[in-house]
């Protein structure tokens, strides 16, 4: 399977294949969610609800894009820190 990208020979092929299928499923769910959001937005575009202020139009509030990028950048940093910690801990436990 071309999409299987194993970083280490320690990872069994079945685990790598499960990873690929899980990510494909996640991506498909994301596409379906975006499609559904588009349908809802088009259906409600002419409703009075569309006249309510959006967070990006409120003073002092960052745009949704900026807030999303910041949140995911922070989550990535936390996850990377946790991965480094877990690897250091497993090395320390293995050496004892």
C-alpha atoms as a PDB file:
ATOM      1  CA  UNK A   1       0.000   0.000   0.000  1.00  0.00           C
ATOM      2  CA  UNK A   2       1.628   3.227  -1.187  1.00  0.00           C
ATOM      3  CA  UNK A   3       0.167   5.416   1.563  1.00  0.00           C
ATOM      4  CA  UNK A   4       1.741   3.388   4.355  1.00  0.00           C
ATOM      5  CA  UNK A   5       4.544   5.546   5.672  1.00  0.00           C
ATOM      6  CA  UNK A   6       6.254   3.708   8.480  1.00  0.00           C
ATOM      7  CA  UNK A   7       8.808   5.693  10.436  1.00  0.00           C
ATOM      8  CA  UNK A   8      10.296   2.649  12.065  1.00  0.00           C
ATOM      9  CA  UNK A   9      10.602  -1.030  11.405  1.00  0.00           C
ATOM     10  CA  UNK A  10       9.219  -1.456  14.939  1.00  0.00           C
ATOM     11  CA  UNK A  11       5.712  -0.600  13.709  1.00  0.00           C
ATOM     12  CA  UNK A  12       3.900  -3.665  12.367  1.00  0.00           C
ATOM     13  CA  UNK A  13       2.407  -3.330   8.894  1.00  0.00           C
ATOM     14  CA  UNK A  14      -1.109  -3.886  10.226  1.00  0.00           C
ATOM     15  CA  UNK A  15      -0.752  -0.861  12.515  1.00  0.00           C
ATOM     16  CA  UNK A  16       0.470   1.284   9.631  1.00  0.00           C
ATOM     17  CA  UNK A  17      -2.460   0.133   7.477  1.00  0.00           C
ATOM     18  CA  UNK A  18      -4.949   0.893  10.272  1.00  0.00           C
ATOM     19  CA  UNK A  19      -3.408   4.364  10.552  1.00  0.00           C
ATOM     20  CA  UNK A  20      -3.926   4.985   6.827  1.00  0.00           C
ATOM     21  CA  UNK A  21      -7.548   3.865   6.963  1.00  0.00           C
ATOM     22  CA  UNK A  22      -8.241   5.915  10.094  1.00  0.00           C
ATOM     23  CA  UNK A  23      -6.842   9.045   8.452  1.00  0.00           C
ATOM     24  CA  UNK A  24      -8.832   8.384   5.271  1.00  0.00           C
ATOM     25  CA  UNK A  25     -11.983   8.009   7.359  1.00  0.00           C
ATOM     26  CA  UNK A  26     -11.219  11.224   9.216  1.00  0.00           C
ATOM     27  CA  UNK A  27     -10.629  13.090   5.964  1.00  0.00           C
ATOM     28  CA  UNK A  28     -13.893  11.762   4.514  1.00  0.00           C
ATOM     29  CA  UNK A  29     -15.805  12.827   7.628  1.00  0.00           C
ATOM     30  CA  UNK A  30     -14.255  16.287   7.356  1.00  0.00           C
ATOM     31  CA  UNK A  31     -15.338  16.574   3.714  1.00  0.00           C
ATOM     32  CA  UNK A  32     -18.879  15.512   4.595  1.00  0.00           C
ATOM     33  CA  UNK A  33     -18.974  18.083   7.412  1.00  0.00           C
ATOM     34  CA  UNK A  34     -17.794  20.851   5.088  1.00  0.00           C
ATOM     35  CA  UNK A  35     -20.442  19.855   2.538  1.00  0.00           C
ATOM     36  CA  UNK A  36     -23.142  19.895   5.232  1.00  0.00           C
ATOM     37  CA  UNK A  37     -21.985  23.293   6.506  1.00  0.00           C
ATOM     38  CA  UNK A  38     -22.152  24.665   2.981  1.00  0.00           C
ATOM     39  CA  UNK A  39     -25.731  23.387   2.577  1.00  0.00           C
ATOM     40  CA  UNK A  40     -26.775  24.922   5.919  1.00  0.00           C
ATOM     41  CA  UNK A  41     -25.124  28.258   5.114  1.00  0.00           C
ATOM     42  CA  UNK A  42     -26.814  28.461   1.723  1.00  0.00           C
ATOM     43  CA  UNK A  43     -30.192  27.544   3.249  1.00  0.00           C
ATOM     44  CA  UNK A  44     -29.944  30.152   6.021  1.00  0.00           C
ATOM     45  CA  UNK A  45     -28.337  32.944   3.997  1.00  0.00           C
ATOM     46  CA  UNK A  46     -31.607  34.812   3.586  1.00  0.00           C
ATOM     47  CA  UNK A  47     -32.804  34.280   7.159  1.00  0.00           C
ATOM     48  CA  UNK A  48     -32.726  37.031   9.833  1.00  0.00           C
ATOM     49  CA  UNK A  49     -30.045  35.046  11.652  1.00  0.00           C
ATOM     50  CA  UNK A  50     -27.559  36.023   8.945  1.00  0.00           C
ATOM     51  CA  UNK A  51     -27.789  39.656  10.169  1.00  0.00           C
ATOM     52  CA  UNK A  52     -26.289  38.826  13.567  1.00  0.00           C
ATOM     53  CA  UNK A  53     -22.709  39.990  14.096  1.00  0.00           C
ATOM     54  CA  UNK A  54     -20.019  37.385  13.547  1.00  0.00           C
ATOM     55  CA  UNK A  55     -17.112  37.084  15.984  1.00  0.00           C
ATOM     56  CA  UNK A  56     -14.717  38.622  13.446  1.00  0.00           C
ATOM     57  CA  UNK A  57     -16.900  41.770  13.320  1.00  0.00           C
ATOM     58  CA  UNK A  58     -16.815  42.301  17.073  1.00  0.00           C
ATOM     59  CA  UNK A  59     -14.143  44.740  18.296  1.00  0.00           C
ATOM     60  CA  UNK A  60     -11.041  43.148  19.809  1.00  0.00           C
ATOM     61  CA  UNK A  61     -11.913  39.618  18.691  1.00  0.00           C
ATOM     62  CA  UNK A  62      -9.551  37.947  16.226  1.00  0.00           C
ATOM     63  CA  UNK A  63     -10.880  36.454  13.030  1.00  0.00           C
ATOM     64  CA  UNK A  64     -12.030  32.857  13.163  1.00  0.00           C
ATOM     65  CA  UNK A  65      -9.114  31.897  10.914  1.00  0.00           C
ATOM     66  CA  UNK A  66      -6.599  33.561  13.240  1.00  0.00           C
ATOM     67  CA  UNK A  67      -8.134  31.987  16.346  1.00  0.00           C
ATOM     68  CA  UNK A  68      -8.195  28.555  14.692  1.00  0.00           C
ATOM     69  CA  UNK A  69      -4.578  28.811  13.552  1.00  0.00           C
ATOM     70  CA  UNK A  70      -3.455  29.940  17.021  1.00  0.00           C
ATOM     71  CA  UNK A  71      -5.344  27.116  18.724  1.00  0.00           C
ATOM     72  CA  UNK A  72      -3.964  24.412  16.438  1.00  0.00           C
ATOM     73  CA  UNK A  73      -0.424  25.828  16.589  1.00  0.00           C
ATOM     74  CA  UNK A  74      -0.632  25.700  20.381  1.00  0.00           C
ATOM     75  CA  UNK A  75      -2.063  22.161  20.331  1.00  0.00           C
ATOM     76  CA  UNK A  76       0.754  21.074  18.002  1.00  0.00           C
ATOM     77  CA  UNK A  77       3.356  22.507  20.369  1.00  0.00           C
ATOM     78  CA  UNK A  78       1.760  20.729  23.340  1.00  0.00           C
ATOM     79  CA  UNK A  79       1.563  17.437  21.448  1.00  0.00           C
ATOM     80  CA  UNK A  80       5.205  17.718  20.319  1.00  0.00           C
ATOM     81  CA  UNK A  81       6.264  18.452  23.884  1.00  0.00           C
ATOM     82  CA  UNK A  82       4.303  15.444  25.148  1.00  0.00           C
ATOM     83  CA  UNK A  83       5.831  13.196  22.482  1.00  0.00           C
ATOM     84  CA  UNK A  84       9.343  14.316  23.423  1.00  0.00           C
ATOM     85  CA  UNK A  85       8.576  13.746  27.106  1.00  0.00           C
ATOM     86  CA  UNK A  86       7.117  10.279  26.446  1.00  0.00           C
ATOM     87  CA  UNK A  87      10.150   9.278  24.373  1.00  0.00           C
ATOM     88  CA  UNK A  88      12.539  10.507  27.061  1.00  0.00           C
ATOM     89  CA  UNK A  89      10.569   8.645  29.711  1.00  0.00           C
ATOM     90  CA  UNK A  90      10.535   5.391  27.727  1.00  0.00           C
ATOM     91  CA  UNK A  91      14.289   5.677  27.165  1.00  0.00           C
ATOM     92  CA  UNK A  92      14.841   6.283  30.867  1.00  0.00           C
ATOM     93  CA  UNK A  93      12.680   3.288  31.805  1.00  0.00           C
ATOM     94  CA  UNK A  94      14.324   1.079  29.216  1.00  0.00           C
ATOM     95  CA  UNK A  95      17.828   1.878  30.484  1.00  0.00           C
ATOM     96  CA  UNK A  96      17.028   0.797  34.070  1.00  0.00           C
END
